[in-house]
């Protein structure tokens, strides 16, 4: 069986998640302070809340 050789491994962040008490205030902060914009909004039926991708 041929040997598997990995020359390099690069760890690149893809996404992260945080829980916040006020989603709209947090979205506004990321927009105003870091220049982020909303990419997608989700409604989570299993929990009382939602998610926003910025």
PDB file of N, CA and C in Angstrom:
ATOM      1  N   UNK A   1       0.844  -1.172   0.000  1.00  0.00           N
ATOM      2  CA  UNK A   1       0.000   0.000   0.000  1.00  0.00           C
ATOM      3  C   UNK A   1       0.893   1.241   0.000  1.00  0.00           C
ATOM      4  N   UNK A   2       0.583   2.237  -0.861  1.00  0.00           N
ATOM      5  CA  UNK A   2       1.415   3.445  -0.902  1.00  0.00           C
ATOM      6  C   UNK A   2       1.275   4.265   0.382  1.00  0.00           C
ATOM      7  N   UNK A   3       2.377   4.906   0.742  1.00  0.00           N
ATOM      8  CA  UNK A   3       2.389   5.728   1.954  1.00  0.00           C
ATOM      9  C   UNK A   3       1.707   7.073   1.679  1.00  0.00           C
ATOM     10  N   UNK A   4       0.841   7.495   2.583  1.00  0.00           N
ATOM     11  CA  UNK A   4       0.174   8.785   2.468  1.00  0.00           C
ATOM     12  C   UNK A   4       1.070   9.845   3.085  1.00  0.00           C
ATOM     13  N   UNK A   5       1.453  10.821   2.296  1.00  0.00           N
ATOM     14  CA  UNK A   5       2.345  11.860   2.780  1.00  0.00           C
ATOM     15  C   UNK A   5       1.631  13.205   2.679  1.00  0.00           C
ATOM     16  N   UNK A   6       1.581  13.915   3.796  1.00  0.00           N
ATOM     17  CA  UNK A   6       1.003  15.249   3.823  1.00  0.00           C
ATOM     18  C   UNK A   6       2.145  16.219   4.104  1.00  0.00           C
ATOM     19  N   UNK A   7       2.451  17.046   3.120  1.00  0.00           N
ATOM     20  CA  UNK A   7       3.569  17.972   3.267  1.00  0.00           C
ATOM     21  C   UNK A   7       3.226  19.176   4.130  1.00  0.00           C
ATOM     22  N   UNK A   8       2.037  19.696   3.962  1.00  0.00           N
ATOM     23  CA  UNK A   8       1.649  20.887   4.715  1.00  0.00           C
ATOM     24  C   UNK A   8       0.211  20.747   5.196  1.00  0.00           C
ATOM     25  N   UNK A   9      -0.059  21.422   6.265  1.00  0.00           N
ATOM     26  CA  UNK A   9      -1.411  21.477   6.791  1.00  0.00           C
ATOM     27  C   UNK A   9      -1.671  22.918   7.193  1.00  0.00           C
ATOM     28  N   UNK A  10      -2.704  23.507   6.637  1.00  0.00           N
ATOM     29  CA  UNK A  10      -3.011  24.890   6.935  1.00  0.00           C
ATOM     30  C   UNK A  10      -4.400  24.966   7.559  1.00  0.00           C
ATOM     31  N   UNK A  11      -4.455  25.518   8.746  1.00  0.00           N
ATOM     32  CA  UNK A  11      -5.717  25.688   9.445  1.00  0.00           C
ATOM     33  C   UNK A  11      -6.240  27.089   9.165  1.00  0.00           C
ATOM     34  N   UNK A  12      -7.383  27.164   8.487  1.00  0.00           N
ATOM     35  CA  UNK A  12      -7.964  28.449   8.106  1.00  0.00           C
ATOM     36  C   UNK A  12      -9.336  28.560   8.748  1.00  0.00           C
ATOM     37  N   UNK A  13      -9.572  29.619   9.556  1.00  0.00           N
ATOM     38  CA  UNK A  13     -10.893  29.779  10.170  1.00  0.00           C
ATOM     39  C   UNK A  13     -11.976  29.929   9.103  1.00  0.00           C
ATOM     40  N   UNK A  14     -13.088  29.267   9.335  1.00  0.00           N
ATOM     41  CA  UNK A  14     -14.206  29.343   8.399  1.00  0.00           C
ATOM     42  C   UNK A  14     -15.369  30.118   8.998  1.00  0.00           C
ATOM     43  N   UNK A  15     -15.725  29.794  10.230  1.00  0.00           N
ATOM     44  CA  UNK A  15     -16.817  30.491  10.898  1.00  0.00           C
ATOM     45  C   UNK A  15     -16.743  30.246  12.399  1.00  0.00           C
ATOM     46  N   UNK A  16     -17.472  31.041  13.131  1.00  0.00           N
ATOM     47  CA  UNK A  16     -17.590  30.827  14.569  1.00  0.00           C
ATOM     48  C   UNK A  16     -18.994  31.243  14.983  1.00  0.00           C
ATOM     49  N   UNK A  17     -19.398  30.838  16.142  1.00  0.00           N
ATOM     50  CA  UNK A  17     -20.722  31.197  16.639  1.00  0.00           C
ATOM     51  C   UNK A  17     -20.624  31.733  18.050  1.00  0.00           C
ATOM     52  N   UNK A  18     -21.432  32.727  18.338  1.00  0.00           N
ATOM     53  CA  UNK A  18     -21.498  33.265  19.687  1.00  0.00           C
ATOM     54  C   UNK A  18     -22.964  33.442  20.063  1.00  0.00           C
ATOM     55  N   UNK A  19     -23.246  33.359  21.323  1.00  0.00           N
ATOM     56  CA  UNK A  19     -24.593  33.562  21.835  1.00  0.00           C
ATOM     57  C   UNK A  19     -24.638  34.953  22.466  1.00  0.00           C
ATOM     58  N   UNK A  20     -25.624  35.754  22.077  1.00  0.00           N
ATOM     59  CA  UNK A  20     -25.732  37.122  22.594  1.00  0.00           C
ATOM     60  C   UNK A  20     -27.154  37.362  23.100  1.00  0.00           C
ATOM     61  N   UNK A  21     -27.326  38.228  24.090  1.00  0.00           N
ATOM     62  CA  UNK A  21     -28.659  38.488  24.636  1.00  0.00           C
ATOM     63  C   UNK A  21     -29.524  39.358  23.725  1.00  0.00           C
ATOM     64  N   UNK A  22     -28.910  40.176  22.874  1.00  0.00           N
ATOM     65  CA  UNK A  22     -29.657  41.067  21.984  1.00  0.00           C
ATOM     66  C   UNK A  22     -29.061  40.977  20.584  1.00  0.00           C
ATOM     67  N   UNK A  23     -29.694  40.175  19.728  1.00  0.00           N
ATOM     68  CA  UNK A  23     -29.164  39.919  18.388  1.00  0.00           C
ATOM     69  C   UNK A  23     -29.064  41.192  17.567  1.00  0.00           C
ATOM     70  N   UNK A  24     -30.094  42.031  17.598  1.00  0.00           N
ATOM     71  CA  UNK A  24     -30.086  43.247  16.786  1.00  0.00           C
ATOM     72  C   UNK A  24     -28.999  44.220  17.225  1.00  0.00           C
ATOM     73  N   UNK A  25     -28.790  44.354  18.531  1.00  0.00           N
ATOM     74  CA  UNK A  25     -27.728  45.231  19.016  1.00  0.00           C
ATOM     75  C   UNK A  25     -26.355  44.688  18.603  1.00  0.00           C
ATOM     76  N   UNK A  26     -26.190  43.391  18.636  1.00  0.00           N
ATOM     77  CA  UNK A  26     -24.922  42.785  18.247  1.00  0.00           C
ATOM     78  C   UNK A  26     -24.665  42.955  16.759  1.00  0.00           C
ATOM     79  N   UNK A  27     -25.693  42.779  15.939  1.00  0.00           N
ATOM     80  CA  UNK A  27     -25.552  42.991  14.493  1.00  0.00           C
ATOM     81  C   UNK A  27     -25.145  44.439  14.234  1.00  0.00           C
ATOM     82  N   UNK A  28     -25.785  45.381  14.922  1.00  0.00           N
ATOM     83  CA  UNK A  28     -25.462  46.802  14.749  1.00  0.00           C
ATOM     84  C   UNK A  28     -24.007  47.075  15.145  1.00  0.00           C
ATOM     85  N   UNK A  29     -23.539  46.466  16.236  1.00  0.00           N
ATOM     86  CA  UNK A  29     -22.155  46.670  16.674  1.00  0.00           C
ATOM     87  C   UNK A  29     -21.170  46.160  15.628  1.00  0.00           C
ATOM     88  N   UNK A  30     -21.380  44.944  15.137  1.00  0.00           N
ATOM     89  CA  UNK A  30     -20.472  44.387  14.126  1.00  0.00           C
ATOM     90  C   UNK A  30     -20.510  45.209  12.837  1.00  0.00           C
ATOM     91  N   UNK A  31     -21.672  45.738  12.488  1.00  0.00           N
ATOM     92  CA  UNK A  31     -21.795  46.591  11.302  1.00  0.00           C
ATOM     93  C   UNK A  31     -21.044  47.903  11.515  1.00  0.00           C
ATOM     94  N   UNK A  32     -21.321  48.586  12.629  1.00  0.00           N
ATOM     95  CA  UNK A  32     -20.767  49.916  12.872  1.00  0.00           C
ATOM     96  C   UNK A  32     -19.278  49.896  13.210  1.00  0.00           C
ATOM     97  N   UNK A  33     -18.847  48.943  14.006  1.00  0.00           N
ATOM     98  CA  UNK A  33     -17.458  48.908  14.464  1.00  0.00           C
ATOM     99  C   UNK A  33     -16.498  48.195  13.510  1.00  0.00           C
ATOM    100  N   UNK A  34     -16.982  47.136  12.853  1.00  0.00           N
ATOM    101  CA  UNK A  34     -16.093  46.328  12.024  1.00  0.00           C
ATOM    102  C   UNK A  34     -16.434  46.353  10.537  1.00  0.00           C
ATOM    103  N   UNK A  35     -17.551  47.016  10.194  1.00  0.00           N
ATOM    104  CA  UNK A  35     -17.920  47.113   8.784  1.00  0.00           C
ATOM    105  C   UNK A  35     -18.546  45.863   8.203  1.00  0.00           C
ATOM    106  N   UNK A  36     -18.996  44.931   9.060  1.00  0.00           N
ATOM    107  CA  UNK A  36     -19.613  43.701   8.576  1.00  0.00           C
ATOM    108  C   UNK A  36     -21.015  43.997   8.052  1.00  0.00           C
ATOM    109  N   UNK A  37     -21.513  43.122   7.204  1.00  0.00           N
ATOM    110  CA  UNK A  37     -22.899  43.234   6.735  1.00  0.00           C
ATOM    111  C   UNK A  37     -23.582  41.876   6.848  1.00  0.00           C
ATOM    112  N   UNK A  38     -24.890  41.906   6.982  1.00  0.00           N
ATOM    113  CA  UNK A  38     -25.663  40.664   7.114  1.00  0.00           C
ATOM    114  C   UNK A  38     -25.649  39.926   5.785  1.00  0.00           C
ATOM    115  N   UNK A  39     -25.318  38.654   5.850  1.00  0.00           N
ATOM    116  CA  UNK A  39     -25.305  37.793   4.674  1.00  0.00           C
ATOM    117  C   UNK A  39     -26.575  36.952   4.637  1.00  0.00           C
ATOM    118  N   UNK A  40     -27.007  36.467   5.813  1.00  0.00           N
ATOM    119  CA  UNK A  40     -28.178  35.588   5.879  1.00  0.00           C
ATOM    120  C   UNK A  40     -28.746  35.610   7.283  1.00  0.00           C
ATOM    121  N   UNK A  41     -30.069  35.528   7.388  1.00  0.00           N
ATOM    122  CA  UNK A  41     -30.748  35.416   8.689  1.00  0.00           C
ATOM    123  C   UNK A  41     -31.506  34.101   8.725  1.00  0.00           C
ATOM    124  N   UNK A  42     -31.493  33.478   9.898  1.00  0.00           N
ATOM    125  CA  UNK A  42     -32.158  32.189  10.087  1.00  0.00           C
ATOM    126  C   UNK A  42     -33.074  32.266  11.300  1.00  0.00           C
ATOM    127  N   UNK A  43     -34.185  31.535  11.259  1.00  0.00           N
ATOM    128  CA  UNK A  43     -35.053  31.371  12.415  1.00  0.00           C
ATOM    129  C   UNK A  43     -34.849  29.962  12.946  1.00  0.00           C
ATOM    130  N   UNK A  44     -34.590  29.868  14.242  1.00  0.00           N
ATOM    131  CA  UNK A  44     -34.368  28.571  14.863  1.00  0.00           C
ATOM    132  C   UNK A  44     -35.611  28.186  15.640  1.00  0.00           C
ATOM    133  N   UNK A  45     -36.332  27.181  15.173  1.00  0.00           N
ATOM    134  CA  UNK A  45     -37.590  26.795  15.795  1.00  0.00           C
ATOM    135  C   UNK A  45     -37.399  26.006  17.084  1.00  0.00           C
ATOM    136  N   UNK A  46     -36.243  25.387  17.265  1.00  0.00           N
ATOM    137  CA  UNK A  46     -36.019  24.575  18.463  1.00  0.00           C
ATOM    138  C   UNK A  46     -35.668  25.411  19.682  1.00  0.00           C
ATOM    139  N   UNK A  47     -35.256  26.622  19.462  1.00  0.00           N
ATOM    140  CA  UNK A  47     -34.916  27.527  20.562  1.00  0.00           C
ATOM    141  C   UNK A  47     -35.628  28.851  20.337  1.00  0.00           C
ATOM    142  N   UNK A  48     -35.751  29.652  21.366  1.00  0.00           N
ATOM    143  CA  UNK A  48     -36.391  30.951  21.240  1.00  0.00           C
ATOM    144  C   UNK A  48     -35.378  31.962  20.737  1.00  0.00           C
ATOM    145  N   UNK A  49     -35.232  32.038  19.443  1.00  0.00           N
ATOM    146  CA  UNK A  49     -34.257  32.969  18.907  1.00  0.00           C
ATOM    147  C   UNK A  49     -34.011  32.747  17.440  1.00  0.00           C
ATOM    148  N   UNK A  50     -32.942  33.294  16.992  1.00  0.00           N
ATOM    149  CA  UNK A  50     -32.586  33.176  15.591  1.00  0.00           C
ATOM    150  C   UNK A  50     -31.090  33.237  15.451  1.00  0.00           C
ATOM    151  N   UNK A  51     -30.646  33.298  14.214  1.00  0.00           N
ATOM    152  CA  UNK A  51     -29.222  33.366  13.907  1.00  0.00           C
ATOM    153  C   UNK A  51     -29.034  34.307  12.749  1.00  0.00           C
ATOM    154  N   UNK A  52     -27.928  34.987  12.751  1.00  0.00           N
ATOM    155  CA  UNK A  52     -27.583  35.886  11.665  1.00  0.00           C
ATOM    156  C   UNK A  52     -26.142  35.618  11.256  1.00  0.00           C
ATOM    157  N   UNK A  53     -25.889  35.525   9.957  1.00  0.00           N
ATOM    158  CA  UNK A  53     -24.537  35.373   9.449  1.00  0.00           C
ATOM    159  C   UNK A  53     -24.091  36.728   8.967  1.00  0.00           C
ATOM    160  N   UNK A  54     -22.956  37.176   9.530  1.00  0.00           N
ATOM    161  CA  UNK A  54     -22.429  38.476   9.120  1.00  0.00           C
ATOM    162  C   UNK A  54     -21.016  38.329   8.604  1.00  0.00           C
TER     163      UNK A  54
END
